Structure formats: C-alpha cells, structure tokens
Amino acid sequence: MTLVVDASVAVKWVLNEQHSAEANALRGEDDLAAPTLIAVEIGSALWKAVRRGAIQRRDALPALRASLLAFANIVADNTLYLRALTLALDLGHPVPDCLYLALAEQQNAPLATADETMMAAARRAKIKVRRV
C-alpha cells in the first residue's frame, strides 16, 4: 500500500525531534511517496538545523540522501500543480502543502503528517490521515 509522507514526518527521520521514533517506524512499512518538493523542504530543515548548531554541516548532505532513499516514489510536482491549486483555493490552505494532498488523492493513499493544520486540511479534503 502507498503512503504519502510529508516533510513534517520525513524531517523526523534525520533530526532528533519529538515523535522521531514513530516517524522512523514508517520507513520500510509501506511504499512511501512524496512530491519532489520533499527534497527542498528536508534540505531547508537541515540547513536550519546546521545554522542553529543542532547538526554538523558534514552530516546534512548524507541526511538528505538517506531521507530521500526511503521513498519508493517521488512524483514530479508539475503533475500535481493544478489539483494542488484547486485544493488550496477550496481549503484555504497553502499550495505547497496541497501538493502532498493532491498526491495522496491521486494515489488514493493516506497522508502521514505530524502537522495539525495539515491533518485538518486533509480531513476537509476527505483524505485519510495518519498522525505521527
């Protein structure tokens, strides 16, 4: 079964955060999928972690590589743009987040997230959600 994973979960794979153990339990459990935006979001979180001294610079690139390898399917954002914008307009939710919702809808798959506002948006869109 496919499971769409958003950045709030994937970042927990490489940074020691609350609920990292639960996030790590998802790795290898299902066929994980995400839009290509995931790489930018994980990279940004790693950059911030280096800036605040939470991880070493030398660990950032391997962490990004390792997190991306967990995905069986990374889907090109451009295949999701129109639906993501429609969802954003309908839900009053940011377009980048709606890329994950559009992918979950397209794959008829649940979304794994640790973000409360994303959970609420997914529910409004009638997309199954797994809280991490």
C-alpha atoms as a PDB file:
ATOM      1  CA  MET A   1       0.000   0.000   0.000  1.00  0.00           C
ATOM      2  CA  THR A   2       1.190   3.515  -0.773  1.00  0.00           C
ATOM      3  CA  LEU A   3       1.604   6.066   1.995  1.00  0.00           C
ATOM      4  CA  VAL A   4       2.226   9.734   1.156  1.00  0.00           C
ATOM      5  CA  VAL A   5       4.665  11.263   3.650  1.00  0.00           C
ATOM      6  CA  ASP A   6       5.008  14.987   4.152  1.00  0.00           C
ATOM      7  CA  ALA A   7       8.096  16.890   5.272  1.00  0.00           C
ATOM      8  CA  SER A   8       6.942  17.138   8.884  1.00  0.00           C
ATOM      9  CA  VAL A   9       7.434  13.369   9.081  1.00  0.00           C
ATOM     10  CA  ALA A  10      10.466  12.953   6.807  1.00  0.00           C
ATOM     11  CA  VAL A  11      12.457  15.552   8.741  1.00  0.00           C
ATOM     12  CA  LYS A  12      11.996  13.455  11.876  1.00  0.00           C
ATOM     13  CA  TRP A  13      13.930  10.661  10.153  1.00  0.00           C
ATOM     14  CA  VAL A  14      17.090  12.760  10.116  1.00  0.00           C
ATOM     15  CA  LEU A  15      16.669  15.169  13.019  1.00  0.00           C
ATOM     16  CA  ASN A  16      16.050  14.061  16.570  1.00  0.00           C
ATOM     17  CA  GLU A  17      12.640  15.584  17.224  1.00  0.00           C
ATOM     18  CA  GLN A  18       9.559  14.706  19.200  1.00  0.00           C
ATOM     19  CA  HIS A  19       7.938  11.613  17.669  1.00  0.00           C
ATOM     20  CA  SER A  20      11.033  10.702  15.628  1.00  0.00           C
ATOM     21  CA  ALA A  21      10.649   7.078  16.723  1.00  0.00           C
ATOM     22  CA  GLU A  22       7.093   6.950  15.345  1.00  0.00           C
ATOM     23  CA  ALA A  23       8.211   8.585  12.102  1.00  0.00           C
ATOM     24  CA  ASN A  24      11.082   6.126  11.718  1.00  0.00           C
ATOM     25  CA  ALA A  25       8.671   3.229  12.186  1.00  0.00           C
ATOM     26  CA  LEU A  26       7.024   4.214   8.887  1.00  0.00           C
ATOM     27  CA  ARG A  27      10.225   3.693   6.918  1.00  0.00           C
ATOM     28  CA  GLY A  28      10.012   0.432   5.074  1.00  0.00           C
ATOM     29  CA  GLU A  29       6.432  -0.167   6.246  1.00  0.00           C
ATOM     30  CA  ASP A  30       4.723   0.845   3.011  1.00  0.00           C
ATOM     31  CA  ASP A  31       5.603   2.173  -0.418  1.00  0.00           C
ATOM     32  CA  LEU A  32       6.357   5.737   0.620  1.00  0.00           C
ATOM     33  CA  ALA A  33       5.599   8.533  -1.826  1.00  0.00           C
ATOM     34  CA  ALA A  34       6.045  12.307  -1.884  1.00  0.00           C
ATOM     35  CA  PRO A  35       6.123  15.166  -4.392  1.00  0.00           C
ATOM     36  CA  THR A  36       9.562  16.403  -5.433  1.00  0.00           C
ATOM     37  CA  LEU A  37       9.029  19.368  -3.092  1.00  0.00           C
ATOM     38  CA  ILE A  38      10.025  16.999  -0.271  1.00  0.00           C
ATOM     39  CA  ALA A  39      13.717  17.382  -1.156  1.00  0.00           C
ATOM     40  CA  VAL A  40      13.533  21.176  -0.858  1.00  0.00           C
ATOM     41  CA  GLU A  41      11.666  21.005   2.438  1.00  0.00           C
ATOM     42  CA  ILE A  42      14.009  18.455   4.004  1.00  0.00           C
ATOM     43  CA  GLY A  43      17.015  20.394   2.713  1.00  0.00           C
ATOM     44  CA  SER A  44      15.653  23.601   4.216  1.00  0.00           C
ATOM     45  CA  ALA A  45      15.079  21.923   7.587  1.00  0.00           C
ATOM     46  CA  LEU A  46      18.631  20.553   7.533  1.00  0.00           C
ATOM     47  CA  TRP A  47      20.032  23.986   6.650  1.00  0.00           C
ATOM     48  CA  LYS A  48      18.179  25.479   9.618  1.00  0.00           C
ATOM     49  CA  ALA A  49      19.443  22.673  11.868  1.00  0.00           C
ATOM     50  CA  VAL A  50      23.044  23.395  10.823  1.00  0.00           C
ATOM     51  CA  ARG A  51      22.550  27.136  11.387  1.00  0.00           C
ATOM     52  CA  ARG A  52      21.282  26.611  14.926  1.00  0.00           C
ATOM     53  CA  GLY A  53      24.001  24.043  15.700  1.00  0.00           C
ATOM     54  CA  ALA A  54      21.669  21.040  16.044  1.00  0.00           C
ATOM     55  CA  ILE A  55      23.683  19.034  13.482  1.00  0.00           C
ATOM     56  CA  GLN A  56      27.080  19.354  11.861  1.00  0.00           C
ATOM     57  CA  ARG A  57      27.385  20.646   8.304  1.00  0.00           C
ATOM     58  CA  ARG A  58      29.129  17.415   7.253  1.00  0.00           C
ATOM     59  CA  ASP A  59      26.022  15.458   8.273  1.00  0.00           C
ATOM     60  CA  ALA A  60      23.500  17.482   6.255  1.00  0.00           C
ATOM     61  CA  LEU A  61      24.119  16.012   2.778  1.00  0.00           C
ATOM     62  CA  PRO A  62      24.172  12.371   3.934  1.00  0.00           C
ATOM     63  CA  ALA A  63      20.984  13.045   5.911  1.00  0.00           C
ATOM     64  CA  LEU A  64      19.220  14.415   2.840  1.00  0.00           C
ATOM     65  CA  ARG A  65      20.379  11.462   0.725  1.00  0.00           C
ATOM     66  CA  ALA A  66      19.265   8.945   3.356  1.00  0.00           C
ATOM     67  CA  SER A  67      15.849  10.518   3.759  1.00  0.00           C
ATOM     68  CA  LEU A  68      15.186  10.581   0.016  1.00  0.00           C
ATOM     69  CA  LEU A  69      16.215   6.931  -0.348  1.00  0.00           C
ATOM     70  CA  ALA A  70      13.325   5.946   1.934  1.00  0.00           C
ATOM     71  CA  PHE A  71      10.839   6.881  -0.804  1.00  0.00           C
ATOM     72  CA  ALA A  72       9.758   4.291  -3.339  1.00  0.00           C
ATOM     73  CA  ASN A  73       8.152   7.017  -5.429  1.00  0.00           C
ATOM     74  CA  ILE A  74       8.930  10.721  -5.698  1.00  0.00           C
ATOM     75  CA  VAL A  75       6.395  12.298  -8.040  1.00  0.00           C
ATOM     76  CA  ALA A  76       7.129  15.354 -10.180  1.00  0.00           C
ATOM     77  CA  ASP A  77       5.427  18.420  -8.721  1.00  0.00           C
ATOM     78  CA  ASN A  78       4.296  19.622 -12.156  1.00  0.00           C
ATOM     79  CA  THR A  79       1.872  16.695 -12.402  1.00  0.00           C
ATOM     80  CA  LEU A  80       0.160  17.959  -9.241  1.00  0.00           C
ATOM     81  CA  TYR A  81       0.078  21.758  -9.674  1.00  0.00           C
ATOM     82  CA  LEU A  82      -3.463  22.191 -10.975  1.00  0.00           C
ATOM     83  CA  ARG A  83      -5.052  19.942  -8.393  1.00  0.00           C
ATOM     84  CA  ALA A  84      -2.899  21.446  -5.630  1.00  0.00           C
ATOM     85  CA  LEU A  85      -4.063  24.947  -6.507  1.00  0.00           C
ATOM     86  CA  THR A  86      -7.677  23.806  -6.645  1.00  0.00           C
ATOM     87  CA  LEU A  87      -7.329  22.211  -3.216  1.00  0.00           C
ATOM     88  CA  ALA A  88      -5.588  25.319  -1.860  1.00  0.00           C
ATOM     89  CA  LEU A  89      -8.407  27.550  -3.066  1.00  0.00           C
ATOM     90  CA  ASP A  90     -11.113  25.190  -1.793  1.00  0.00           C
ATOM     91  CA  LEU A  91      -9.482  24.566   1.593  1.00  0.00           C
ATOM     92  CA  GLY A  92      -7.843  27.930   2.248  1.00  0.00           C
ATOM     93  CA  HIS A  93      -4.556  26.081   2.734  1.00  0.00           C
ATOM     94  CA  PRO A  94      -1.081  26.847   1.241  1.00  0.00           C
ATOM     95  CA  VAL A  95      -0.303  25.439  -2.205  1.00  0.00           C
ATOM     96  CA  PRO A  96       2.973  23.694  -1.187  1.00  0.00           C
ATOM     97  CA  ASP A  97       1.128  21.617   1.419  1.00  0.00           C
ATOM     98  CA  CYS A  98      -1.599  20.897  -1.094  1.00  0.00           C
ATOM     99  CA  LEU A  99       0.952  19.170  -3.337  1.00  0.00           C
ATOM    100  CA  TYR A 100       1.015  16.399  -0.724  1.00  0.00           C
ATOM    101  CA  LEU A 101      -2.781  16.356  -0.576  1.00  0.00           C
ATOM    102  CA  ALA A 102      -3.039  16.201  -4.370  1.00  0.00           C
ATOM    103  CA  LEU A 103      -0.601  13.294  -4.432  1.00  0.00           C
ATOM    104  CA  ALA A 104      -2.495  11.413  -1.727  1.00  0.00           C
ATOM    105  CA  GLU A 105      -5.691  11.945  -3.675  1.00  0.00           C
ATOM    106  CA  GLN A 106      -4.057  10.878  -6.955  1.00  0.00           C
ATOM    107  CA  GLN A 107      -2.599   7.723  -5.380  1.00  0.00           C
ATOM    108  CA  ASN A 108      -5.749   7.034  -3.334  1.00  0.00           C
ATOM    109  CA  ALA A 109      -3.394   6.799  -0.383  1.00  0.00           C
ATOM    110  CA  PRO A 110      -3.369   8.087   3.174  1.00  0.00           C
ATOM    111  CA  LEU A 111      -1.156  11.001   4.178  1.00  0.00           C
ATOM    112  CA  ALA A 112       1.269  10.689   7.086  1.00  0.00           C
ATOM    113  CA  THR A 113       1.884  14.010   8.817  1.00  0.00           C
ATOM    114  CA  ALA A 114       2.857  15.480  12.153  1.00  0.00           C
ATOM    115  CA  ASP A 115       1.359  18.871  11.280  1.00  0.00           C
ATOM    116  CA  GLU A 116      -2.020  19.594  12.897  1.00  0.00           C
ATOM    117  CA  THR A 117      -3.104  22.114  10.241  1.00  0.00           C
ATOM    118  CA  MET A 118      -2.178  19.640   7.500  1.00  0.00           C
ATOM    119  CA  MET A 119      -4.250  16.955   9.245  1.00  0.00           C
ATOM    120  CA  ALA A 120      -7.228  19.286   9.349  1.00  0.00           C
ATOM    121  CA  ALA A 121      -6.829  20.185   5.660  1.00  0.00           C
ATOM    122  CA  ALA A 122      -6.577  16.521   4.685  1.00  0.00           C
ATOM    123  CA  ARG A 123      -9.721  15.706   6.618  1.00  0.00           C
ATOM    124  CA  ARG A 124     -11.588  18.567   4.937  1.00  0.00           C
ATOM    125  CA  ALA A 125     -10.425  17.150   1.585  1.00  0.00           C
ATOM    126  CA  LYS A 126     -11.645  13.702   2.684  1.00  0.00           C
ATOM    127  CA  ILE A 127      -8.125  12.244   2.542  1.00  0.00           C
ATOM    128  CA  LYS A 128      -7.208   9.626   5.120  1.00  0.00           C
ATOM    129  CA  VAL A 129      -4.558  10.802   7.573  1.00  0.00           C
ATOM    130  CA  ARG A 130      -2.046   9.009   9.752  1.00  0.00           C
ATOM    131  CA  ARG A 131      -0.823  11.141  12.640  1.00  0.00           C
ATOM    132  CA  VAL A 132       2.844  10.852  13.569  1.00  0.00           C
END
